[in-house]
Amino acid sequence: MDSIEDWLRRPGGLSGHLRDLRRGAGLTGAELARHLSWTQSKVSKIETGKQMPTDEDLSGWLTTCGATNATKATLTALLAEAQGLHQEWRQQVRLGQSAIQRNYDQLVSKASRIRNVEIVYIPGLLQTPSYARSRIEEGVRLHGADPDEVDSATARRILRQQVLYDTSKRFEFLVFEAALRVLLCSPLDMLAQLDRTLNITDMPHISLGIIPFGRQLSIAPQNSFLLLGDDLAIVETFIGEYMFHGEEAAAYSTVMEQLANDAVYDDGARKIVERAIADLRSTT
């Protein structure tokens, strides 16, 4: 699906209706916030689709602005629809992780440039089977996915890595050093994963940047994300997957460019991975 923000602020969407309702009541954003004991930024975020209101938020907004019963019914229905969309990722996982992996296959195959920033995970396209399996099993625990699909979903993810050998594509990976240190699988599986991460840098159309501990950053890494081409950013959270296009995707591209300046590459990146390998071996 498109991002929930796009859905909220589309023509006739919930955000616009709430903004119009406030204006019709003769209230500024600051005045409404004061009535509801909110910050003004919360009002602004709701009106621009950057934050989805809760049921309680909506009730307070409608009451403060003197909404009619008809308006209350309309906006309550819109919020319920938004909440349903917000749960789409959870429903997709329950319907089948293999299907989700196939969707990613299609998106990646169409892109000529694939960029990925990861804070605590090894990028999906670089994962070993054991590491990938641990991530997919996490989906079972978090989202109630079918455990019988773990094998097939893992196989789909690994099969997608064949795209790495397409030299007509450009791959750019930015990984925080934490991703090399956090144990999300067994130590032995992590050693194999680090070795795989090290070897992938030998391919000329693939770049791997490592952002080391202690590096002063130009921008805070709020979340991991995947960029496919120049017009699609995918952000996955604990409760949903969001796709951003246009200006929003461009914003993620800008973040990627700034973080890239904070990374080390080539021999510098290899030394960081090798140090993580050595440190892990010393504890196993």
Protein backbone atom coordinates (compact mmCIF):
# COMPACT_ATOMS: atom_id res chain seq x y z
CA MET A 1 0.00 0.00 0.00
CA ASP A 2 1.01 3.64 -0.27
CA SER A 3 2.01 5.31 2.98
CA ILE A 4 -0.71 5.87 5.56
CA GLU A 5 0.28 9.55 5.43
CA ASP A 6 -0.67 9.70 1.76
CA TRP A 7 -3.99 8.06 2.53
CA LEU A 8 -4.78 10.40 5.43
CA ARG A 9 -4.11 13.58 3.45
CA ARG A 10 -5.53 12.54 0.10
CA PRO A 11 -8.39 14.70 -1.27
CA GLY A 12 -11.36 14.00 0.98
CA GLY A 13 -9.11 12.32 3.51
CA LEU A 14 -9.31 12.47 7.27
CA SER A 15 -6.56 15.08 7.72
CA GLY A 16 -8.21 17.62 5.42
CA HIS A 17 -11.60 17.10 7.02
CA LEU A 18 -10.15 17.74 10.47
CA ARG A 19 -8.34 20.87 9.31
CA ASP A 20 -11.50 22.22 7.69
CA LEU A 21 -13.50 21.41 10.82
CA ARG A 22 -11.07 23.37 13.00
CA ARG A 23 -11.11 26.34 10.66
CA GLY A 24 -14.90 26.25 10.48
CA ALA A 25 -15.00 26.44 14.27
CA GLY A 26 -12.88 29.61 14.11
CA LEU A 27 -9.98 28.05 15.99
CA THR A 28 -6.28 28.32 15.27
CA GLY A 29 -4.08 25.29 15.68
CA ALA A 30 -2.68 26.76 18.88
CA GLU A 31 -6.15 27.38 20.28
CA LEU A 32 -7.32 23.86 19.53
CA ALA A 33 -4.18 22.45 21.11
CA ARG A 34 -4.77 24.51 24.23
CA HIS A 35 -8.37 23.30 24.51
CA LEU A 36 -7.22 19.68 24.27
CA SER A 37 -4.06 20.08 26.39
CA TRP A 38 -1.93 19.06 23.42
CA THR A 39 1.18 20.53 21.88
CA GLN A 40 0.56 22.62 18.78
CA SER A 41 2.84 20.27 16.85
CA LYS A 42 0.41 17.40 17.47
CA VAL A 43 -2.40 19.36 15.82
CA SER A 44 -0.10 20.16 12.90
CA LYS A 45 0.99 16.52 12.48
CA ILE A 46 -2.60 15.28 12.45
CA GLU A 47 -3.63 17.90 9.91
CA THR A 48 -0.73 17.06 7.60
CA GLY A 49 -1.17 13.30 7.88
CA LYS A 50 2.08 12.75 9.74
CA GLN A 51 0.24 11.33 12.76
CA MET A 52 -2.90 9.27 12.84
CA PRO A 53 -5.25 10.33 15.66
CA THR A 54 -6.45 7.82 18.20
CA ASP A 55 -10.15 7.30 18.87
CA GLU A 56 -9.79 9.56 21.91
CA ASP A 57 -7.98 12.23 19.87
CA LEU A 58 -10.74 12.25 17.28
CA SER A 59 -13.49 12.43 19.91
CA GLY A 60 -11.85 15.43 21.57
CA TRP A 61 -11.33 17.19 18.23
CA LEU A 62 -14.94 16.65 17.16
CA THR A 63 -16.35 17.83 20.47
CA THR A 64 -14.14 20.91 20.71
CA CYS A 65 -14.99 21.96 17.16
CA GLY A 66 -18.74 21.39 17.63
CA ALA A 67 -19.06 18.76 14.90
CA THR A 68 -22.53 17.67 13.84
CA ASN A 69 -23.64 14.09 14.30
CA ALA A 70 -23.31 13.51 10.56
CA THR A 71 -19.74 14.84 10.57
CA LYS A 72 -18.90 12.72 13.59
CA ALA A 73 -20.17 9.62 11.83
CA THR A 74 -18.22 10.40 8.65
CA LEU A 75 -14.92 11.09 10.37
CA THR A 76 -15.25 8.18 12.76
CA ALA A 77 -15.69 5.90 9.74
CA LEU A 78 -12.64 7.43 8.04
CA LEU A 79 -10.53 6.83 11.14
CA ALA A 80 -11.70 3.24 11.35
CA GLU A 81 -10.69 2.75 7.71
CA ALA A 82 -7.27 4.29 8.38
CA GLN A 83 -6.75 2.00 11.36
CA GLY A 84 -7.60 -0.96 9.16
CA LEU A 85 -5.01 0.09 6.58
CA HIS A 86 -2.48 0.56 9.34
CA GLN A 87 -2.81 -3.11 10.19
CA GLU A 88 -2.33 -4.25 6.60
CA TRP A 89 1.23 -5.40 7.17
CA ARG A 90 0.18 -7.65 10.03
CA GLN A 91 -2.55 -9.14 7.86
CA GLN A 92 -0.15 -9.63 4.94
CA VAL A 93 2.25 -11.53 7.15
CA ARG A 94 -0.51 -13.79 8.37
CA LEU A 95 -1.60 -14.45 4.81
CA GLY A 96 1.86 -15.57 3.87
CA GLN A 97 5.46 -14.47 4.18
CA SER A 98 6.33 -16.13 0.88
CA ALA A 99 3.91 -13.79 -0.88
CA ILE A 100 5.59 -10.80 0.75
CA GLN A 101 8.98 -12.02 -0.43
CA ARG A 102 7.62 -12.36 -3.98
CA ASN A 103 6.38 -8.77 -3.85
CA TYR A 104 9.88 -7.64 -2.91
CA ASP A 105 11.29 -9.73 -5.76
CA GLN A 106 9.19 -7.78 -8.24
CA LEU A 107 10.10 -4.39 -6.79
CA VAL A 108 13.83 -5.12 -6.70
CA SER A 109 13.89 -6.61 -10.19
CA LYS A 110 12.45 -3.40 -11.65
CA ALA A 111 14.91 -1.04 -9.95
CA SER A 112 18.27 -0.16 -11.51
CA ARG A 113 19.55 1.37 -8.28
CA ILE A 114 18.99 -0.26 -4.89
CA ARG A 115 20.05 1.55 -1.72
CA ASN A 116 19.63 0.28 1.82
CA VAL A 117 20.37 1.81 5.22
CA GLU A 118 20.34 -0.60 8.17
CA ILE A 119 20.90 0.30 11.80
CA VAL A 120 20.79 -3.11 13.54
CA TYR A 121 20.13 -5.62 10.73
CA ILE A 122 22.33 -6.95 7.98
CA PRO A 123 20.64 -5.91 4.70
CA GLY A 124 18.27 -8.56 3.33
CA LEU A 125 20.18 -8.91 0.06
CA LEU A 126 23.35 -9.76 2.00
CA GLN A 127 21.88 -12.19 4.52
CA THR A 128 22.97 -15.81 4.81
CA PRO A 129 20.21 -18.44 4.97
CA SER A 130 20.59 -18.86 8.74
CA TYR A 131 20.49 -15.14 9.43
CA ALA A 132 17.52 -14.66 7.08
CA ARG A 133 15.68 -17.50 8.75
CA SER A 134 16.12 -15.88 12.16
CA ARG A 135 14.60 -12.65 10.85
CA ILE A 136 11.65 -14.45 9.28
CA GLU A 137 11.07 -16.46 12.46
CA GLU A 138 10.86 -13.13 14.25
CA GLY A 139 7.85 -12.37 12.05
CA VAL A 140 6.20 -15.51 13.37
CA ARG A 141 6.67 -14.34 16.95
CA LEU A 142 5.67 -10.72 16.37
CA HIS A 143 2.87 -11.00 13.82
CA GLY A 144 1.51 -14.51 14.18
CA ALA A 145 2.80 -15.59 10.78
CA ASP A 146 2.45 -19.20 9.74
CA PRO A 147 5.54 -21.07 11.02
CA ASP A 148 5.10 -23.61 8.22
CA GLU A 149 6.08 -20.88 5.73
CA VAL A 150 9.45 -20.09 7.30
CA ASP A 151 11.35 -22.45 5.00
CA SER A 152 9.71 -21.22 1.79
CA ALA A 153 9.99 -17.55 2.79
CA THR A 154 13.67 -18.00 3.63
CA ALA A 155 14.27 -19.68 0.30
CA ARG A 156 12.53 -16.82 -1.55
CA ARG A 157 14.67 -14.24 0.23
CA ILE A 158 17.89 -16.07 -0.61
CA LEU A 159 16.80 -16.64 -4.21
CA ARG A 160 16.27 -12.89 -4.57
CA GLN A 161 19.99 -12.40 -3.96
CA GLN A 162 20.67 -13.58 -7.49
CA VAL A 163 19.90 -10.00 -8.48
CA LEU A 164 23.25 -9.00 -6.94
CA TYR A 165 24.98 -10.54 -9.95
CA ASP A 166 23.15 -8.24 -12.37
CA THR A 167 25.92 -5.78 -13.18
CA SER A 168 23.46 -3.42 -14.87
CA LYS A 169 22.19 -2.56 -11.39
CA ARG A 170 23.90 -0.48 -8.72
CA PHE A 171 23.72 -1.54 -5.07
CA GLU A 172 24.62 0.79 -2.21
CA PHE A 173 24.50 -0.52 1.35
CA LEU A 174 25.02 1.58 4.47
CA VAL A 175 25.29 -0.43 7.67
CA PHE A 176 25.85 0.87 11.17
CA GLU A 177 28.53 -0.97 13.12
CA ALA A 178 25.87 -2.02 15.60
CA ALA A 179 24.45 -4.36 12.94
CA LEU A 180 27.76 -6.23 12.97
CA ARG A 181 27.64 -6.64 16.73
CA VAL A 182 24.02 -7.31 17.70
CA LEU A 183 23.46 -11.07 17.99
CA LEU A 184 20.15 -11.80 16.28
CA CYS A 185 21.17 -15.39 15.60
CA SER A 186 23.67 -17.84 17.11
CA PRO A 187 27.33 -16.71 17.34
CA LEU A 188 28.39 -19.30 14.75
CA ASP A 189 25.67 -18.16 12.34
CA MET A 190 26.71 -14.57 12.93
CA LEU A 191 30.32 -15.38 12.11
CA ALA A 192 29.19 -16.86 8.79
CA GLN A 193 27.08 -13.77 8.19
CA LEU A 194 29.99 -11.41 8.85
CA ASP A 195 32.18 -13.42 6.50
CA ARG A 196 29.51 -13.13 3.80
CA THR A 197 29.26 -9.37 4.41
CA LEU A 198 33.02 -9.07 4.03
CA ASN A 199 33.19 -10.95 0.74
CA ILE A 200 30.37 -9.05 -0.96
CA THR A 201 32.55 -5.94 -1.18
CA ASP A 202 34.65 -7.62 -3.92
CA MET A 203 31.91 -6.94 -6.49
CA PRO A 204 32.53 -3.59 -8.29
CA HIS A 205 28.87 -2.63 -8.75
CA ILE A 206 28.21 -3.06 -5.02
CA SER A 207 29.34 -0.58 -2.39
CA LEU A 208 29.31 -1.23 1.34
CA GLY A 209 29.70 1.64 3.76
CA ILE A 210 30.06 1.08 7.49
CA ILE A 211 29.22 3.84 9.95
CA PRO A 212 31.50 3.14 12.90
CA PHE A 213 30.87 3.61 16.58
CA GLY A 214 32.12 6.98 17.79
CA ARG A 215 31.54 8.73 14.47
CA GLN A 216 29.91 12.15 14.76
CA LEU A 217 26.86 12.02 12.52
CA SER A 218 25.43 14.76 10.33
CA ILE A 219 21.89 13.45 10.82
CA ALA A 220 20.20 11.13 13.32
CA PRO A 221 19.30 7.67 11.94
CA GLN A 222 15.65 7.48 12.95
CA ASN A 223 14.96 4.20 11.16
CA SER A 224 16.25 1.80 8.56
CA PHE A 225 14.94 2.08 5.00
CA LEU A 226 15.19 0.73 1.48
CA LEU A 227 15.32 2.92 -1.62
CA LEU A 228 14.37 1.42 -4.98
CA GLY A 229 15.21 3.74 -7.84
CA ASP A 230 14.60 7.42 -7.22
CA ASP A 231 10.90 7.34 -6.40
CA LEU A 232 10.21 4.63 -3.84
CA ALA A 233 11.25 4.43 -0.21
CA ILE A 234 10.15 1.48 1.93
CA VAL A 235 10.17 1.74 5.71
CA GLU A 236 9.31 -1.25 7.88
CA THR A 237 8.33 -0.91 11.54
CA PHE A 238 7.12 -3.36 14.18
CA ILE A 239 3.52 -2.78 13.13
CA GLY A 240 3.58 -1.90 9.47
CA GLU A 241 5.36 -1.39 6.19
CA TYR A 242 5.08 1.99 4.52
CA MET A 243 5.89 3.06 0.99
CA PHE A 244 6.74 6.66 0.18
CA HIS A 245 6.87 8.29 -3.23
CA GLY A 246 7.75 11.67 -4.69
CA GLU A 247 8.98 14.30 -2.25
CA GLU A 248 8.86 11.90 0.67
CA ALA A 249 11.05 9.36 -1.12
CA ALA A 250 13.39 12.21 -2.06
CA ALA A 251 13.67 13.10 1.63
CA TYR A 252 14.90 9.59 2.40
CA SER A 253 17.34 9.84 -0.50
CA THR A 254 18.74 13.03 1.04
CA VAL A 255 19.18 11.27 4.37
CA MET A 256 20.98 8.43 2.59
CA GLU A 257 23.37 10.88 0.95
CA GLN A 258 24.17 12.59 4.24
CA LEU A 259 24.74 9.32 6.07
CA ALA A 260 26.94 8.11 3.21
CA ASN A 261 29.32 10.96 3.99
CA ASP A 262 29.67 9.63 7.54
CA ALA A 263 30.57 6.08 6.45
CA VAL A 264 33.88 4.43 5.70
CA TYR A 265 34.38 2.25 2.64
CA ASP A 266 36.79 -0.25 1.07
CA ASP A 267 39.72 -1.05 3.39
CA GLY A 268 38.22 1.01 6.20
CA ALA A 269 34.96 -0.91 6.05
CA ARG A 270 36.76 -4.25 5.79
CA LYS A 271 38.77 -3.50 8.92
CA ILE A 272 35.59 -2.80 10.90
CA VAL A 273 34.01 -6.07 9.77
CA GLU A 274 37.22 -7.99 10.44
CA ARG A 275 37.40 -6.50 13.95
CA ALA A 276 33.82 -7.59 14.63
CA ILE A 277 34.71 -11.11 13.44
CA ALA A 278 37.79 -11.24 15.66
CA ASP A 279 35.89 -9.99 18.69
CA LEU A 280 33.09 -12.50 18.19
CA ARG A 281 35.51 -15.38 17.71
CA SER A 282 37.24 -14.48 20.97
CA THR A 283 33.98 -14.98 22.86
CA THR A 284 32.86 -18.26 21.24
